[in-house]
N, C-alpha and C. Protein backbone atom coordinates (compact mmCIF):
# COMPACT_ATOMS: atom_id res chain seq x y z
N MET A 1 -29.23 15.28 53.68
CA MET A 1 -30.27 14.47 53.09
C MET A 1 -30.21 14.66 51.58
N SER A 2 -30.14 13.62 50.77
CA SER A 2 -29.87 13.68 49.34
C SER A 2 -31.39 13.97 48.76
N ILE A 3 -31.27 14.64 47.66
CA ILE A 3 -32.60 14.98 46.91
C ILE A 3 -32.76 13.88 45.94
N LEU A 4 -31.88 12.94 45.70
CA LEU A 4 -32.02 11.96 44.79
C LEU A 4 -32.31 10.56 45.42
N LYS A 5 -33.02 9.82 44.68
CA LYS A 5 -33.39 8.33 45.22
C LYS A 5 -32.10 7.61 45.13
N PRO A 6 -31.92 6.45 45.96
CA PRO A 6 -30.75 5.63 45.99
C PRO A 6 -30.28 5.31 44.56
N GLU A 7 -31.06 4.82 43.71
CA GLU A 7 -30.77 4.28 42.46
C GLU A 7 -30.29 5.46 41.50
N ASN A 8 -30.99 6.58 41.70
CA ASN A 8 -30.46 7.75 40.94
C ASN A 8 -29.26 8.26 41.38
N SER A 9 -29.01 8.11 42.60
CA SER A 9 -27.73 8.62 43.27
C SER A 9 -26.39 7.91 42.60
N LEU A 10 -26.54 6.70 42.36
CA LEU A 10 -25.41 5.89 41.85
C LEU A 10 -25.36 6.34 40.33
N ILE A 11 -26.51 6.56 39.63
CA ILE A 11 -26.39 6.89 38.31
C ILE A 11 -25.71 8.33 38.08
N ALA A 12 -26.10 9.28 39.02
CA ALA A 12 -25.46 10.48 39.03
C ALA A 12 -23.95 10.46 39.32
N GLY A 13 -23.71 9.58 40.29
CA GLY A 13 -22.30 9.34 40.63
C GLY A 13 -21.35 8.79 39.46
N PHE A 14 -21.99 7.96 38.70
CA PHE A 14 -21.16 7.42 37.57
C PHE A 14 -21.20 8.40 36.49
N ALA A 15 -22.25 9.33 36.39
CA ALA A 15 -22.19 10.41 35.35
C ALA A 15 -21.02 11.41 35.76
N VAL A 16 -20.87 11.70 37.01
CA VAL A 16 -19.74 12.51 37.43
C VAL A 16 -18.41 11.87 37.17
N VAL A 17 -18.33 10.60 37.32
CA VAL A 17 -17.07 9.90 36.98
C VAL A 17 -16.72 9.99 35.58
N GLY A 18 -17.78 9.90 34.66
CA GLY A 18 -17.56 10.22 33.21
C GLY A 18 -17.09 11.61 33.00
N LEU A 19 -17.69 12.52 33.69
CA LEU A 19 -17.24 13.94 33.62
C LEU A 19 -15.75 14.17 33.96
N VAL A 20 -15.30 13.47 35.06
CA VAL A 20 -14.02 13.62 35.48
C VAL A 20 -13.03 13.00 34.47
N ILE A 21 -13.48 11.86 33.90
CA ILE A 21 -12.56 11.18 32.79
C ILE A 21 -12.52 12.14 31.55
N ALA A 22 -13.64 12.68 31.29
CA ALA A 22 -13.53 13.61 30.12
C ALA A 22 -12.72 14.86 30.34
N ASN A 23 -12.83 15.35 31.64
CA ASN A 23 -12.15 16.55 31.97
C ASN A 23 -10.50 16.35 31.96
N TYR A 24 -10.08 15.18 32.46
CA TYR A 24 -8.67 14.77 32.25
C TYR A 24 -8.21 14.61 30.92
N ASN A 25 -9.07 14.03 30.09
CA ASN A 25 -8.75 13.82 28.62
C ASN A 25 -8.69 15.24 27.92
N LEU A 26 -9.60 16.15 28.28
CA LEU A 26 -9.61 17.38 27.77
C LEU A 26 -8.40 18.22 28.13
N HIS A 27 -7.87 18.12 29.21
CA HIS A 27 -6.67 18.82 29.61
C HIS A 27 -5.36 18.25 29.24
N ASN A 28 -5.26 16.85 29.51
CA ASN A 28 -4.15 16.20 29.18
C ASN A 28 -3.92 15.49 27.92
N GLY A 29 -4.94 15.21 27.27
CA GLY A 29 -5.06 14.51 26.02
C GLY A 29 -5.08 12.98 26.51
N THR A 30 -4.91 11.98 25.49
CA THR A 30 -4.89 10.62 25.85
C THR A 30 -3.66 10.21 26.54
N GLY A 31 -3.80 9.15 27.30
CA GLY A 31 -2.66 8.55 28.04
C GLY A 31 -1.39 8.29 27.08
N VAL A 32 -1.86 7.75 25.96
CA VAL A 32 -0.63 7.37 24.90
C VAL A 32 -0.09 8.65 24.42
N GLY A 33 -0.69 9.70 24.20
CA GLY A 33 -0.22 11.05 23.83
C GLY A 33 0.75 11.56 24.93
N VAL A 34 0.34 11.45 26.16
CA VAL A 34 1.14 11.95 27.26
C VAL A 34 2.47 11.11 27.36
N ARG A 35 2.38 9.79 27.16
CA ARG A 35 3.51 9.00 27.24
C ARG A 35 4.43 9.20 26.08
N ALA A 36 3.97 9.70 25.03
CA ALA A 36 4.86 10.02 23.86
C ALA A 36 5.70 11.42 24.01
N THR A 37 5.33 12.14 24.92
CA THR A 37 6.04 13.47 25.28
C THR A 37 7.25 13.10 26.02
N GLN A 38 8.02 14.16 26.30
CA GLN A 38 9.27 14.14 27.11
C GLN A 38 8.89 13.71 28.61
N ALA A 39 9.63 12.83 29.11
CA ALA A 39 9.25 12.45 30.59
C ALA A 39 9.45 13.60 31.47
N ASN A 40 8.53 13.73 32.47
CA ASN A 40 8.55 14.78 33.45
C ASN A 40 8.62 16.24 32.95
N HIS A 41 8.02 16.40 31.83
CA HIS A 41 8.04 17.82 31.28
C HIS A 41 7.11 18.66 32.14
N PRO A 42 7.49 19.89 32.49
CA PRO A 42 6.73 20.73 33.42
C PRO A 42 5.29 21.16 32.86
N LEU A 43 5.21 21.23 31.50
CA LEU A 43 3.84 21.60 31.01
C LEU A 43 2.83 20.42 31.11
N THR A 44 3.22 19.23 30.92
CA THR A 44 2.29 18.15 31.14
C THR A 44 1.89 17.96 32.58
N LYS A 45 2.95 18.39 33.62
CA LYS A 45 2.65 18.36 34.99
C LYS A 45 1.65 19.45 35.35
N GLN A 46 1.88 20.57 34.68
CA GLN A 46 0.87 21.61 34.94
C GLN A 46 -0.39 21.36 34.42
N ALA A 47 -0.56 20.79 33.27
CA ALA A 47 -1.93 20.29 32.63
C ALA A 47 -2.56 19.31 33.58
N ASN A 48 -1.79 18.41 34.02
CA ASN A 48 -2.32 17.33 34.95
C ASN A 48 -2.90 18.04 36.40
N ASN A 49 -2.24 19.01 36.91
CA ASN A 49 -2.55 19.74 38.08
C ASN A 49 -3.81 20.47 37.72
N THR A 50 -3.83 21.17 36.58
CA THR A 50 -5.01 22.01 36.21
C THR A 50 -6.27 21.03 36.19
N ALA A 51 -6.13 19.86 35.53
CA ALA A 51 -7.20 18.96 35.41
C ALA A 51 -7.60 18.33 36.66
N GLY A 52 -6.68 18.16 37.62
CA GLY A 52 -7.02 17.82 39.01
C GLY A 52 -7.82 18.68 39.82
N TRP A 53 -7.45 20.02 39.78
CA TRP A 53 -8.16 20.94 40.46
C TRP A 53 -9.57 21.24 39.79
N SER A 54 -9.59 21.36 38.64
CA SER A 54 -10.87 21.58 38.01
C SER A 54 -11.87 20.35 38.12
N SER A 55 -11.28 19.18 38.24
CA SER A 55 -12.11 17.98 38.48
C SER A 55 -12.62 17.97 39.84
N LEU A 56 -11.83 18.45 40.90
CA LEU A 56 -12.28 18.48 42.17
C LEU A 56 -13.36 19.55 42.36
N ILE A 57 -13.29 20.65 41.70
CA ILE A 57 -14.33 21.70 41.77
C ILE A 57 -15.68 21.12 41.17
N LEU A 58 -15.47 20.37 39.99
CA LEU A 58 -16.62 19.77 39.34
C LEU A 58 -17.25 18.81 40.26
N VAL A 59 -16.57 17.93 40.93
CA VAL A 59 -17.16 16.90 41.84
C VAL A 59 -17.80 17.55 43.01
N PHE A 60 -17.21 18.47 43.75
CA PHE A 60 -17.77 19.11 44.90
C PHE A 60 -18.96 19.90 44.50
N GLY A 61 -18.98 20.62 43.23
CA GLY A 61 -20.11 21.34 42.81
C GLY A 61 -21.30 20.46 42.53
N ALA A 62 -21.06 19.31 41.90
CA ALA A 62 -22.21 18.49 41.65
C ALA A 62 -22.62 17.79 42.91
N SER A 63 -21.78 17.49 43.79
CA SER A 63 -22.29 16.83 45.09
C SER A 63 -22.98 17.79 45.92
N LEU A 64 -22.52 19.11 45.87
CA LEU A 64 -23.36 20.10 46.89
C LEU A 64 -24.67 20.44 46.22
N LEU A 65 -24.66 20.43 44.93
CA LEU A 65 -26.00 20.75 44.24
C LEU A 65 -26.99 19.66 44.40
N ALA A 66 -26.56 18.43 44.40
CA ALA A 66 -27.42 17.20 44.51
C ALA A 66 -27.64 16.91 46.11
N LYS A 67 -26.69 17.51 46.93
CA LYS A 67 -26.63 17.12 48.37
C LYS A 67 -26.49 15.62 48.47
N ASP A 68 -25.64 15.00 47.92
CA ASP A 68 -25.48 13.68 47.77
C ASP A 68 -23.98 13.36 48.11
N ALA A 69 -23.78 12.39 49.11
CA ALA A 69 -22.30 12.01 49.35
C ALA A 69 -21.81 10.92 48.37
N ASN A 70 -22.71 10.10 47.72
CA ASN A 70 -22.35 9.16 46.81
C ASN A 70 -21.60 9.80 45.55
N ILE A 71 -22.16 10.83 45.17
CA ILE A 71 -21.44 11.53 44.06
C ILE A 71 -20.04 12.00 44.52
N ALA A 72 -19.85 12.48 45.63
CA ALA A 72 -18.50 12.89 46.01
C ALA A 72 -17.63 11.74 46.20
N ILE A 73 -18.11 10.52 46.75
CA ILE A 73 -17.29 9.39 46.95
C ILE A 73 -16.77 8.86 45.62
N LEU A 74 -17.69 8.65 44.71
CA LEU A 74 -17.35 8.19 43.43
C LEU A 74 -16.50 9.12 42.59
N GLY A 75 -16.92 10.35 42.60
CA GLY A 75 -16.15 11.45 41.94
C GLY A 75 -14.71 11.64 42.43
N LEU A 76 -14.53 11.56 43.69
CA LEU A 76 -13.15 11.67 44.32
C LEU A 76 -12.40 10.54 44.05
N ALA A 77 -12.97 9.28 44.08
CA ALA A 77 -12.25 8.10 43.73
C ALA A 77 -11.77 8.09 42.16
N ALA A 78 -12.53 8.68 41.41
CA ALA A 78 -12.21 8.79 39.90
C ALA A 78 -11.08 9.93 39.70
N VAL A 79 -11.08 10.95 40.50
CA VAL A 79 -9.96 11.94 40.50
C VAL A 79 -8.73 11.28 40.93
N ILE A 80 -8.76 10.54 42.02
CA ILE A 80 -7.45 9.89 42.44
C ILE A 80 -6.94 8.98 41.44
N VAL A 81 -7.81 8.12 40.98
CA VAL A 81 -7.38 7.17 39.87
C VAL A 81 -6.81 7.91 38.57
N MET A 82 -7.46 8.83 38.08
CA MET A 82 -7.02 9.52 36.94
C MET A 82 -5.78 10.27 37.11
N HIS A 83 -5.65 10.98 38.43
CA HIS A 83 -4.47 11.69 38.61
C HIS A 83 -3.24 10.86 38.71
N SER A 84 -3.33 9.83 39.44
CA SER A 84 -2.25 8.82 39.58
C SER A 84 -1.92 8.19 38.26
N ALA A 85 -2.79 7.89 37.52
CA ALA A 85 -2.54 7.24 36.12
C ALA A 85 -1.75 8.23 35.26
N PHE A 86 -2.19 9.41 35.26
CA PHE A 86 -1.57 10.44 34.42
C PHE A 86 -0.21 10.75 34.98
N LEU A 87 0.00 10.70 36.21
CA LEU A 87 1.36 10.98 36.78
C LEU A 87 2.27 9.92 36.41
N GLU A 88 1.70 8.65 36.29
CA GLU A 88 2.62 7.61 35.84
C GLU A 88 2.92 7.63 34.37
N HIS A 89 1.95 8.20 33.54
CA HIS A 89 2.12 8.56 32.16
C HIS A 89 3.19 9.66 31.90
N ILE A 90 3.03 10.66 32.76
CA ILE A 90 3.95 11.75 32.68
C ILE A 90 5.43 11.34 33.02
N ALA A 91 5.60 10.45 33.98
CA ALA A 91 6.91 10.02 34.31
C ALA A 91 7.62 9.16 33.36
N ALA A 92 6.86 8.50 32.53
CA ALA A 92 7.35 7.40 31.70
C ALA A 92 8.22 8.04 30.50
N ASP A 93 9.25 7.51 30.23
CA ASP A 93 10.14 7.80 29.12
C ASP A 93 9.50 7.35 27.80
N SER A 94 9.59 8.31 26.83
CA SER A 94 8.87 7.86 25.50
C SER A 94 9.61 6.77 24.79
N GLU A 95 10.99 6.80 24.96
CA GLU A 95 11.77 5.77 24.23
C GLU A 95 11.80 4.33 24.87
N THR A 96 12.00 4.24 26.07
CA THR A 96 12.13 2.97 26.88
C THR A 96 10.78 2.59 27.47
N GLY A 97 9.93 3.59 27.81
CA GLY A 97 8.69 3.17 28.55
C GLY A 97 8.92 2.97 29.92
N GLN A 98 10.10 3.13 30.50
CA GLN A 98 10.36 3.04 31.85
C GLN A 98 10.07 4.49 32.66
N VAL A 99 9.56 4.26 33.80
CA VAL A 99 9.30 5.44 34.64
C VAL A 99 10.49 6.04 35.06
N THR A 100 10.82 7.28 34.99
CA THR A 100 12.03 7.93 35.31
C THR A 100 11.78 8.92 36.47
N ALA A 101 12.72 9.13 37.28
CA ALA A 101 12.72 10.06 38.38
C ALA A 101 12.80 11.42 37.87
N ALA A 102 12.11 12.38 38.44
CA ALA A 102 12.19 13.77 38.08
C ALA A 102 13.48 14.33 38.84
N GLY A 103 14.26 14.97 38.10
CA GLY A 103 15.38 15.68 38.63
C GLY A 103 15.68 16.93 38.13
N PRO A 104 16.74 17.68 38.51
CA PRO A 104 17.09 18.91 37.79
C PRO A 104 17.40 18.75 36.29
N ALA A 105 17.97 17.64 36.01
CA ALA A 105 18.38 17.44 34.52
C ALA A 105 17.21 16.85 33.61
N ALA A 106 16.01 16.71 34.37
CA ALA A 106 14.94 16.19 33.54
C ALA A 106 14.45 17.26 32.54
N TYR A 107 14.65 18.44 32.78
CA TYR A 107 14.18 19.41 31.74
C TYR A 107 15.11 20.49 31.56
N LEU A 108 15.64 20.70 30.47
CA LEU A 108 16.61 21.89 30.21
C LEU A 108 15.86 22.86 29.42
N PRO A 109 15.85 24.15 30.11
CA PRO A 109 15.09 25.19 29.41
C PRO A 109 15.79 25.58 28.01
N ALA A 110 15.21 26.18 27.20
CA ALA A 110 15.92 26.72 26.04
C ALA A 110 16.79 27.80 26.37
N GLN A 111 17.84 27.94 25.73
CA GLN A 111 18.90 29.00 25.78
C GLN A 111 18.45 30.04 24.84
N LEU A 112 18.19 31.17 25.44
CA LEU A 112 17.79 32.35 24.63
C LEU A 112 18.98 33.17 24.43
N SER A 113 19.12 33.77 23.28
CA SER A 113 20.19 34.70 22.96
C SER A 113 19.72 35.79 22.13
N ALA A 114 20.31 36.94 22.20
CA ALA A 114 19.88 38.14 21.36
C ALA A 114 20.48 38.01 19.96
N VAL A 115 19.67 38.32 19.05
CA VAL A 115 19.88 38.10 17.60
C VAL A 115 20.60 39.54 17.22
N SER A 116 21.77 39.42 16.72
CA SER A 116 22.57 40.62 16.20
C SER A 116 22.50 40.85 14.81
């Protein structure tokens, strides 16, 4: 049983949607900024995963505190939309704008050598 009235439940749900959007922008930056980076870079993927997990914790925490399923439904929908949007931004090539498949040659690590 929710502790919120139905009209306040939707307002709280939309507030959580705003928090999810802010959390993704905090961790990943803007979509345009992510598109400008190298396609399928592991650090942008890691930042997106961090944003996803922290957003899930945020949504479930707010939903459990309010004992309201509407917050969970709206918040989880926002997490799915934001995560899939940023996955598309991460896979886009910065020069062509085309989505590229991740492969072993998608990222080449730096070659370290000892300085003599």
